[in-house]
Amino acid sequence: MRVNLLPYQLAQKAGPNWRGVFTLAGVALLAAVTLIFYGALQVQVTRVQKDLIAMEQDYQQYQPALERQQLLQDLQARRDAMTQFTESLPGMGVRWNLIMDELRDIIPATVVLEDVLSDPATGAITVSGRSGSLQALAQFMVAIQKAEHVTQPDIRNATRNPDLGFFAFTMTCLPKVEGANPSG
């Protein structure tokens, strides 16, 4: 015969603690699943890193070609802009090389041209630039009035920049078309 001398509350707890066993088993199972997912994730991260390295090598391989393509696109854009400029005046007989040569020859030393544009609708040439003085700008206007290939200069604006000591100006003039009446 066996007699249990323990108090009643302790006697019932003497058996296996199933709650603790299941909790421990659940934690162990959760840890195992977490490790499996972590391992699978690491495999995918490694694969993605290898793909990125391969893509970077491909990019480095094609980088010179991409730079050449960009240069060609820039040159094409410049060529298109120049072509548009030379074809923008209406009428036959306008010779841009003569107009540009003449502007270069008649420009005073203290006048710098920054932009020469033409309006396709009116044929007017817009010249923008800087002048060291109003006298130099006036000399440039007189030279255009006497020029062989351009005429009718008109200063649209002239603004003095006191900090830099020059006048920024915008002037329009018209090309003389070959075979046209010089008076208009």
Protein backbone atom coordinates (compact mmCIF):
# COMPACT_ATOMS: atom_id res chain seq x y z
CA MET A 1 0.00 0.00 0.00
CA ARG A 2 1.15 3.47 -0.89
CA VAL A 3 0.25 6.45 1.10
CA ASN A 4 0.70 10.03 -0.15
CA LEU A 5 1.57 12.25 2.74
CA LEU A 6 1.72 15.44 0.67
CA PRO A 7 -0.98 18.00 0.97
CA TYR A 8 -3.86 17.66 -1.50
CA GLN A 9 -2.81 20.60 -3.76
CA LEU A 10 0.73 19.32 -4.19
CA ALA A 11 -0.29 15.77 -4.77
CA GLN A 12 -2.18 16.65 -7.95
CA LYS A 13 0.73 18.64 -9.42
CA ALA A 14 3.14 15.80 -9.11
CA GLY A 15 2.26 14.51 -12.64
CA PRO A 16 3.81 15.70 -15.94
CA ASN A 17 3.34 19.38 -16.80
CA TRP A 18 1.66 19.05 -20.22
CA ARG A 19 1.10 22.75 -20.55
CA GLY A 20 4.84 23.46 -20.24
CA VAL A 21 5.69 20.60 -22.61
CA PHE A 22 3.30 21.92 -25.29
CA THR A 23 4.55 25.49 -24.81
CA LEU A 24 8.14 24.37 -25.17
CA ALA A 25 7.29 22.27 -28.22
CA GLY A 26 5.45 25.24 -29.78
CA VAL A 27 8.41 27.56 -29.22
CA ALA A 28 10.78 24.96 -30.67
CA LEU A 29 8.49 24.48 -33.70
CA LEU A 30 8.24 28.26 -34.20
CA ALA A 31 12.04 28.57 -34.01
CA ALA A 32 12.46 25.75 -36.54
CA VAL A 33 9.97 27.34 -38.97
CA THR A 34 11.67 30.73 -38.53
CA LEU A 35 15.06 29.20 -39.30
CA ILE A 36 13.68 27.47 -42.40
CA PHE A 37 12.14 30.73 -43.68
CA TYR A 38 15.35 32.62 -42.86
CA GLY A 39 17.41 30.07 -44.81
CA ALA A 40 15.06 30.26 -47.79
CA LEU A 41 15.15 34.07 -47.65
CA GLN A 42 18.96 34.06 -47.55
CA VAL A 43 19.04 31.85 -50.65
CA GLN A 44 16.79 34.31 -52.49
CA VAL A 45 18.82 37.31 -51.30
CA THR A 46 22.00 35.64 -52.54
CA ARG A 47 20.37 34.93 -55.91
CA VAL A 48 19.19 38.55 -56.24
CA GLN A 49 22.66 39.84 -55.33
CA LYS A 50 24.21 37.62 -58.01
CA ASP A 51 21.66 38.94 -60.53
CA LEU A 52 22.49 42.53 -59.56
CA ILE A 53 26.21 41.89 -59.98
CA ALA A 54 25.55 40.36 -63.42
CA MET A 55 23.39 43.34 -64.41
CA GLU A 56 26.11 45.76 -63.23
CA GLN A 57 28.67 43.91 -65.34
CA ASP A 58 26.35 44.10 -68.36
CA TYR A 59 25.86 47.82 -67.74
CA GLN A 60 29.62 48.37 -67.51
CA GLN A 61 30.04 46.43 -70.74
CA TYR A 62 27.54 48.65 -72.59
CA GLN A 63 28.53 51.93 -70.89
CA PRO A 64 30.91 53.08 -73.69
CA ALA A 65 28.23 52.37 -76.29
CA LEU A 66 25.64 54.28 -74.25
CA GLU A 67 28.01 57.25 -73.96
CA ARG A 68 28.62 57.20 -77.72
CA GLN A 69 24.88 57.02 -78.33
CA GLN A 70 24.31 60.04 -76.06
CA LEU A 71 27.04 61.96 -77.89
CA LEU A 72 25.48 61.09 -81.23
CA GLN A 73 22.06 62.20 -80.00
CA ASP A 74 23.54 65.51 -78.81
CA LEU A 75 25.27 66.02 -82.16
CA GLN A 76 22.05 65.16 -84.00
CA ALA A 77 20.13 67.70 -81.91
CA ARG A 78 22.74 70.36 -82.69
CA ARG A 79 22.64 69.51 -86.39
CA ASP A 80 18.84 69.69 -86.37
CA ALA A 81 18.95 73.08 -84.66
CA MET A 82 21.46 74.38 -87.21
CA THR A 83 19.44 72.98 -90.10
CA GLN A 84 16.28 74.57 -88.75
CA PHE A 85 18.13 77.87 -88.39
CA THR A 86 19.46 77.85 -91.94
CA GLU A 87 16.12 76.79 -93.42
CA SER A 88 13.96 79.10 -91.34
CA LEU A 89 13.96 82.14 -93.61
CA PRO A 90 11.28 82.21 -96.27
CA GLY A 91 12.16 82.95 -99.87
CA MET A 92 15.02 81.90 -102.08
CA GLY A 93 18.35 83.61 -102.27
CA VAL A 94 19.14 84.11 -98.58
CA ARG A 95 22.75 83.10 -98.09
CA TRP A 96 23.49 82.51 -94.44
CA ASN A 97 27.19 82.11 -94.92
CA LEU A 98 27.36 85.61 -96.45
CA ILE A 99 25.17 87.11 -93.72
CA MET A 100 27.22 85.54 -90.91
CA ASP A 101 30.52 86.53 -92.57
CA GLU A 102 29.28 90.09 -92.97
CA LEU A 103 28.09 90.33 -89.35
CA ARG A 104 31.48 89.04 -88.23
CA ASP A 105 33.29 91.61 -90.39
CA ILE A 106 31.23 94.67 -89.39
CA ILE A 107 30.91 94.04 -85.66
CA PRO A 108 32.89 96.49 -83.47
CA ALA A 109 35.56 95.07 -81.16
CA THR A 110 33.57 95.74 -77.97
CA VAL A 111 30.37 94.06 -79.22
CA VAL A 112 29.90 90.35 -78.56
CA LEU A 113 27.07 88.37 -80.17
CA GLU A 114 25.48 85.72 -77.99
CA ASP A 115 22.63 84.54 -80.20
CA VAL A 116 21.50 84.91 -83.81
CA LEU A 117 17.98 83.63 -84.54
CA SER A 118 15.53 84.00 -87.38
CA ASP A 119 11.75 84.13 -87.40
CA PRO A 120 10.35 81.75 -90.04
CA ALA A 121 7.13 83.75 -90.37
CA THR A 122 8.62 87.19 -90.97
CA GLY A 123 12.19 86.40 -91.99
CA ALA A 124 13.53 88.81 -89.36
CA ILE A 125 16.92 88.09 -87.86
CA THR A 126 17.18 88.65 -84.10
CA VAL A 127 20.67 89.36 -82.79
CA SER A 128 21.33 89.30 -79.02
CA GLY A 129 24.57 90.20 -77.36
CA ARG A 130 26.62 92.54 -75.19
CA SER A 131 28.23 95.85 -75.95
CA GLY A 132 30.91 97.71 -74.03
CA SER A 133 29.22 101.04 -74.77
CA LEU A 134 26.23 102.59 -76.48
CA GLN A 135 28.61 104.17 -79.00
CA ALA A 136 29.83 100.71 -80.10
CA LEU A 137 26.20 99.57 -80.40
CA ALA A 138 25.39 102.62 -82.53
CA GLN A 139 28.41 101.88 -84.75
CA PHE A 140 27.13 98.35 -85.20
CA MET A 141 23.69 99.67 -86.24
CA VAL A 142 25.22 102.06 -88.77
CA ALA A 143 27.37 99.26 -90.16
CA ILE A 144 24.26 97.06 -90.59
CA GLN A 145 22.46 99.90 -92.39
CA LYS A 146 25.36 100.09 -94.85
CA ALA A 147 25.76 96.30 -95.11
CA GLU A 148 25.40 94.35 -98.32
CA HIS A 149 23.40 91.37 -97.02
CA VAL A 150 21.35 92.70 -94.06
CA THR A 151 19.32 95.85 -93.57
CA GLN A 152 16.85 97.72 -91.35
CA PRO A 153 18.45 97.30 -87.91
CA ASP A 154 16.12 98.00 -85.00
CA ILE A 155 17.19 97.83 -81.35
CA ARG A 156 14.42 96.16 -79.36
CA ASN A 157 16.08 96.73 -75.99
CA ALA A 158 19.41 97.70 -74.47
CA THR A 159 19.92 97.30 -70.74
CA ARG A 160 23.03 98.37 -68.84
CA ASN A 161 24.50 95.92 -66.33
CA PRO A 162 26.30 98.21 -63.85
CA ASP A 163 28.02 95.34 -62.03
CA LEU A 164 29.68 93.94 -65.12
CA GLY A 165 29.92 97.21 -67.09
CA PHE A 166 28.24 96.26 -70.36
CA PHE A 167 24.97 96.76 -72.21
CA ALA A 168 22.87 93.67 -73.02
CA PHE A 169 20.96 94.27 -76.23
CA THR A 170 18.52 92.66 -78.63
CA MET A 171 18.37 93.89 -82.21
CA THR A 172 16.37 92.80 -85.23
CA CYS A 173 17.25 93.23 -88.89
CA LEU A 174 16.15 91.81 -92.22
CA PRO A 175 18.17 89.86 -94.77
CA LYS A 176 18.53 91.23 -98.27
CA VAL A 177 17.27 88.57 -100.64
CA GLU A 178 19.26 88.17 -103.87
CA GLY A 179 17.41 89.53 -106.86
CA ALA A 180 15.07 91.65 -104.67
CA ASN A 181 14.80 95.40 -104.89
CA PRO A 182 17.35 96.90 -102.41
CA SER A 183 14.87 99.56 -101.31
CA GLY A 184 12.42 97.07 -99.90
